[in-house]
Every structure is written in structure tokens, then in C-alpha cells.
C-alpha atoms as a PDB file:
ATOM      1  CA  UNK A   1      -0.057   0.035  -0.086  1.00  0.00           C
ATOM      2  CA  UNK A   2       2.704   2.662   0.903  1.00  0.00           C
ATOM      3  CA  UNK A   3       4.383   1.988  -2.608  1.00  0.00           C
ATOM      4  CA  UNK A   4       0.841   2.529  -4.278  1.00  0.00           C
ATOM      5  CA  UNK A   5       0.522   5.903  -2.746  1.00  0.00           C
ATOM      6  CA  UNK A   6       3.974   6.914  -3.565  1.00  0.00           C
ATOM      7  CA  UNK A   7       3.310   6.146  -7.102  1.00  0.00           C
ATOM      8  CA  UNK A   8       0.148   8.092  -7.140  1.00  0.00           C
ATOM      9  CA  UNK A   9       1.808  10.984  -5.743  1.00  0.00           C
ATOM     10  CA  UNK A  10       4.656  10.686  -8.329  1.00  0.00           C
ATOM     11  CA  UNK A  11       2.198  10.340 -11.184  1.00  0.00           C
ATOM     12  CA  UNK A  12       0.370  13.753  -9.950  1.00  0.00           C
ATOM     13  CA  UNK A  13       3.689  15.604 -10.513  1.00  0.00           C
ATOM     14  CA  UNK A  14       3.730  15.820 -14.146  1.00  0.00           C
ATOM     15  CA  UNK A  15      -0.302  16.250 -14.350  1.00  0.00           C
ATOM     16  CA  UNK A  16       0.072  19.187 -11.998  1.00  0.00           C
ATOM     17  CA  UNK A  17       2.975  20.815 -14.086  1.00  0.00           C
ATOM     18  CA  UNK A  18       0.545  20.421 -17.089  1.00  0.00           C
ATOM     19  CA  UNK A  19      -2.222  22.128 -15.306  1.00  0.00           C
ATOM     20  CA  UNK A  20       0.107  24.866 -14.114  1.00  0.00           C
ATOM     21  CA  UNK A  21       1.085  25.640 -17.653  1.00  0.00           C
ATOM     22  CA  UNK A  22      -2.280  25.133 -19.433  1.00  0.00           C
ATOM     23  CA  UNK A  23      -5.070  26.355 -17.016  1.00  0.00           C
ATOM     24  CA  UNK A  24      -6.188  29.865 -17.663  1.00  0.00           C
ATOM     25  CA  UNK A  25      -5.569  32.540 -14.824  1.00  0.00           C
ATOM     26  CA  UNK A  26      -9.309  33.288 -14.894  1.00  0.00           C
ATOM     27  CA  UNK A  27     -12.479  31.321 -15.583  1.00  0.00           C
ATOM     28  CA  UNK A  28     -16.053  31.491 -15.124  1.00  0.00           C
ATOM     29  CA  UNK A  29     -17.283  28.711 -12.894  1.00  0.00           C
ATOM     30  CA  UNK A  30     -20.736  27.282 -13.426  1.00  0.00           C
ATOM     31  CA  UNK A  31     -22.634  26.164 -10.233  1.00  0.00           C
ATOM     32  CA  UNK A  32     -20.204  28.275  -8.127  1.00  0.00           C
ATOM     33  CA  UNK A  33     -22.802  29.035  -5.705  1.00  0.00           C
ATOM     34  CA  UNK A  34     -23.874  25.572  -5.123  1.00  0.00           C
ATOM     35  CA  UNK A  35     -20.368  24.404  -4.850  1.00  0.00           C
ATOM     36  CA  UNK A  36     -19.720  26.778  -2.034  1.00  0.00           C
ATOM     37  CA  UNK A  37     -22.872  26.524  -0.298  1.00  0.00           C
ATOM     38  CA  UNK A  38     -22.609  22.606  -0.669  1.00  0.00           C
ATOM     39  CA  UNK A  39     -19.140  22.642   0.917  1.00  0.00           C
ATOM     40  CA  UNK A  40     -20.181  24.877   3.686  1.00  0.00           C
ATOM     41  CA  UNK A  41     -23.356  22.687   4.550  1.00  0.00           C
ATOM     42  CA  UNK A  42     -21.053  19.623   4.788  1.00  0.00           C
ATOM     43  CA  UNK A  43     -18.348  21.752   6.770  1.00  0.00           C
ATOM     44  CA  UNK A  44     -21.414  22.593   9.241  1.00  0.00           C
ATOM     45  CA  UNK A  45     -22.272  18.957   9.600  1.00  0.00           C
ATOM     46  CA  UNK A  46     -18.719  17.943  10.112  1.00  0.00           C
ATOM     47  CA  UNK A  47     -18.424  20.438  12.877  1.00  0.00           C
ATOM     48  CA  UNK A  48     -21.576  19.597  14.372  1.00  0.00           C
ATOM     49  CA  UNK A  49     -20.642  15.970  14.501  1.00  0.00           C
ATOM     50  CA  UNK A  50     -17.174  16.928  16.027  1.00  0.00           C
ATOM     51  CA  UNK A  51     -19.028  18.631  18.943  1.00  0.00           C
ATOM     52  CA  UNK A  52     -21.371  15.612  19.382  1.00  0.00           C
ATOM     53  CA  UNK A  53     -18.783  13.130  19.368  1.00  0.00           C
ATOM     54  CA  UNK A  54     -16.375  15.107  21.663  1.00  0.00           C
ATOM     55  CA  UNK A  55     -19.186  15.706  24.230  1.00  0.00           C
ATOM     56  CA  UNK A  56     -19.495  11.759  24.414  1.00  0.00           C
ATOM     57  CA  UNK A  57     -15.915  11.184  24.317  1.00  0.00           C
ATOM     58  CA  UNK A  58     -16.423   8.903  21.467  1.00  0.00           C
ATOM     59  CA  UNK A  59     -13.092   7.860  19.859  1.00  0.00           C
ATOM     60  CA  UNK A  60     -14.455   8.540  16.326  1.00  0.00           C
ATOM     61  CA  UNK A  61     -13.798  12.183  17.078  1.00  0.00           C
ATOM     62  CA  UNK A  62     -10.289  11.522  15.931  1.00  0.00           C
ATOM     63  CA  UNK A  63     -11.359  10.957  12.403  1.00  0.00           C
ATOM     64  CA  UNK A  64     -14.011  13.799  12.325  1.00  0.00           C
ATOM     65  CA  UNK A  65     -11.563  16.406  13.681  1.00  0.00           C
ATOM     66  CA  UNK A  66      -9.131  15.380  11.094  1.00  0.00           C
ATOM     67  CA  UNK A  67     -11.798  15.726   8.412  1.00  0.00           C
ATOM     68  CA  UNK A  68     -12.946  19.088   9.898  1.00  0.00           C
ATOM     69  CA  UNK A  69      -9.402  20.513  10.286  1.00  0.00           C
ATOM     70  CA  UNK A  70      -8.671  19.558   6.533  1.00  0.00           C
ATOM     71  CA  UNK A  71     -12.055  21.131   5.280  1.00  0.00           C
ATOM     72  CA  UNK A  72     -11.059  24.317   7.165  1.00  0.00           C
ATOM     73  CA  UNK A  73      -7.838  24.800   5.467  1.00  0.00           C
ATOM     74  CA  UNK A  74      -9.272  23.948   2.089  1.00  0.00           C
ATOM     75  CA  UNK A  75     -12.085  26.432   2.915  1.00  0.00           C
ATOM     76  CA  UNK A  76      -9.426  29.131   3.611  1.00  0.00           C
ATOM     77  CA  UNK A  77      -7.320  28.285   0.597  1.00  0.00           C
ATOM     78  CA  UNK A  78      -9.984  28.503  -2.045  1.00  0.00           C
ATOM     79  CA  UNK A  79     -11.798  31.614  -0.271  1.00  0.00           C
ATOM     80  CA  UNK A  80      -8.568  33.582  -0.554  1.00  0.00           C
ATOM     81  CA  UNK A  81      -7.432  32.398  -3.926  1.00  0.00           C
ATOM     82  CA  UNK A  82     -10.988  32.854  -5.468  1.00  0.00           C
ATOM     83  CA  UNK A  83     -11.565  36.238  -3.863  1.00  0.00           C
ATOM     84  CA  UNK A  84     -11.521  39.168  -6.125  1.00  0.00           C
ATOM     85  CA  UNK A  85      -9.269  41.978  -5.528  1.00  0.00           C
ATOM     86  CA  UNK A  86      -9.703  44.723  -2.787  1.00  0.00           C
ATOM     87  CA  UNK A  87     -12.117  44.270  -0.080  1.00  0.00           C
ATOM     88  CA  UNK A  88     -13.267  40.822  -1.094  1.00  0.00           C
ATOM     89  CA  UNK A  89      -9.786  39.402  -0.662  1.00  0.00           C
ATOM     90  CA  UNK A  90      -9.018  41.348   2.446  1.00  0.00           C
ATOM     91  CA  UNK A  91     -12.299  39.856   3.916  1.00  0.00           C
ATOM     92  CA  UNK A  92     -11.141  36.312   2.901  1.00  0.00           C
ATOM     93  CA  UNK A  93      -7.740  36.634   4.368  1.00  0.00           C
ATOM     94  CA  UNK A  94      -9.103  38.097   7.559  1.00  0.00           C
ATOM     95  CA  UNK A  95     -11.731  35.274   7.861  1.00  0.00           C
ATOM     96  CA  UNK A  96      -8.889  32.646   7.109  1.00  0.00           C
ATOM     97  CA  UNK A  97      -6.429  34.028   9.807  1.00  0.00           C
ATOM     98  CA  UNK A  98      -9.066  34.761  12.528  1.00  0.00           C
ATOM     99  CA  UNK A  99     -11.498  31.813  11.954  1.00  0.00           C
ATOM    100  CA  UNK A 100     -10.571  29.080   9.503  1.00  0.00           C
ATOM    101  CA  UNK A 101      -6.820  28.469  10.245  1.00  0.00           C
ATOM    102  CA  UNK A 102      -7.279  28.735  13.864  1.00  0.00           C
ATOM    103  CA  UNK A 103     -10.292  26.483  13.783  1.00  0.00           C
ATOM    104  CA  UNK A 104      -8.231  23.827  11.882  1.00  0.00           C
ATOM    105  CA  UNK A 105      -5.593  24.124  14.434  1.00  0.00           C
ATOM    106  CA  UNK A 106      -8.060  23.363  17.143  1.00  0.00           C
ATOM    107  CA  UNK A 107      -9.348  20.369  15.100  1.00  0.00           C
ATOM    108  CA  UNK A 108      -5.907  19.288  14.976  1.00  0.00           C
ATOM    109  CA  UNK A 109      -5.313  19.614  18.552  1.00  0.00           C
ATOM    110  CA  UNK A 110      -8.587  17.719  19.258  1.00  0.00           C
ATOM    111  CA  UNK A 111      -7.488  14.713  16.976  1.00  0.00           C
ATOM    112  CA  UNK A 112      -4.152  14.408  18.569  1.00  0.00           C
ATOM    113  CA  UNK A 113      -5.276  14.421  21.968  1.00  0.00           C
ATOM    114  CA  UNK A 114      -7.937  11.792  20.910  1.00  0.00           C
ATOM    115  CA  UNK A 115      -5.317   9.860  19.196  1.00  0.00           C
ATOM    116  CA  UNK A 116      -3.117  10.093  22.241  1.00  0.00           C
ATOM    117  CA  UNK A 117      -5.904   8.764  24.471  1.00  0.00           C
ATOM    118  CA  UNK A 118      -6.722   5.945  22.338  1.00  0.00           C
ATOM    119  CA  UNK A 119      -3.233   4.818  22.067  1.00  0.00           C
ATOM    120  CA  UNK A 120      -2.981   4.894  25.934  1.00  0.00           C
ATOM    121  CA  UNK A 121      -6.133   2.940  26.144  1.00  0.00           C
ATOM    122  CA  UNK A 122      -4.776   0.347  23.736  1.00  0.00           C
ATOM    123  CA  UNK A 123      -1.504   0.021  25.515  1.00  0.00           C
ATOM    124  CA  UNK A 124      -3.350  -0.404  28.781  1.00  0.00           C
ATOM    125  CA  UNK A 125      -5.665  -3.274  27.732  1.00  0.00           C
ATOM    126  CA  UNK A 126      -2.643  -4.880  25.837  1.00  0.00           C
ATOM    127  CA  UNK A 127      -0.520  -5.179  28.689  1.00  0.00           C
ATOM    128  CA  UNK A 128      -0.624  -8.566  30.449  1.00  0.00           C
ATOM    129  CA  UNK A 129      -2.024  -8.545  34.139  1.00  0.00           C
ATOM    130  CA  UNK A 130       1.289  -9.673  35.721  1.00  0.00           C
ATOM    131  CA  UNK A 131       3.301  -7.029  33.950  1.00  0.00           C
ATOM    132  CA  UNK A 132       5.422  -5.194  36.599  1.00  0.00           C
ATOM    133  CA  UNK A 133       4.862  -2.086  34.400  1.00  0.00           C
ATOM    134  CA  UNK A 134       1.203  -1.980  35.547  1.00  0.00           C
ATOM    135  CA  UNK A 135       0.404  -0.294  38.624  1.00  0.00           C
ATOM    136  CA  UNK A 136      -1.836  -2.119  41.318  1.00  0.00           C
ATOM    137  CA  UNK A 137      -3.685   0.056  43.613  1.00  0.00           C
END
């Protein structure tokens, strides 16, 4: 499996170079509103699910927080790059710096803490009962 992903990454390099050389700098996007509203609806659902899972200390929060952080980074990236000059771009940068990127960092922290807790739980349950490293209270 690792080689497969490395191959995919390698194959994407020439494709990305081709796109960089051939895509227009400006384009009209059909269904632009639907794409952004749809993306934001999914982001809302993911953030709500993170809150629900975190409140219940459910281990699935690790995956959902990872997805949420990724989506917030993608949102910031495309907001900034697709914003027009002047106030729209300034607004996109401000939202990215004040909301989206800090939100992504918060998701990352939550995912890491959740993963650390999961690994500790696995380690505790995998240790044999007679292991001298285990505390007996």
C-alpha cells in the first residue's frame, strides 16, 4: 500500500505541471454558488458531528476532527484564492487568519489528544495482568 500511494503522488507531479502551464488564470465557474454552499453545508455537519462526538468522548472524534481541520484549510485556501481584489480578498484573508486556520489548528489539537488517549487505552488493555509495569492500587 505505501508504494501505491507513493506512485500516485509521483504520477500527479507531471499532471500538476501540465495544469500549471495550461489552465487559464481566470475562468467562469458554473454552479459556483452551489459548490460553495454545498461545501459549507458539509462543513457545518462535520463541525456539529465533532462537537457531538467530543461531548460523548467518542473515539471517532479523531477521524471527524481530522476531516474538519482539513476542510477548514481547504475553505481558507479557496476563499483567498478565488476572492476578487480589494475588500473581498482582504475579507477572505481576515476570515482565514481569524476563524478558519485557528479552527483547523483546534481540530488538529483535538484529533491529536484523541489519538493519544486511544493509544494509551490500547496500551493499557494490551499489557498482561502480571506485567510489573502495571500499577496495582
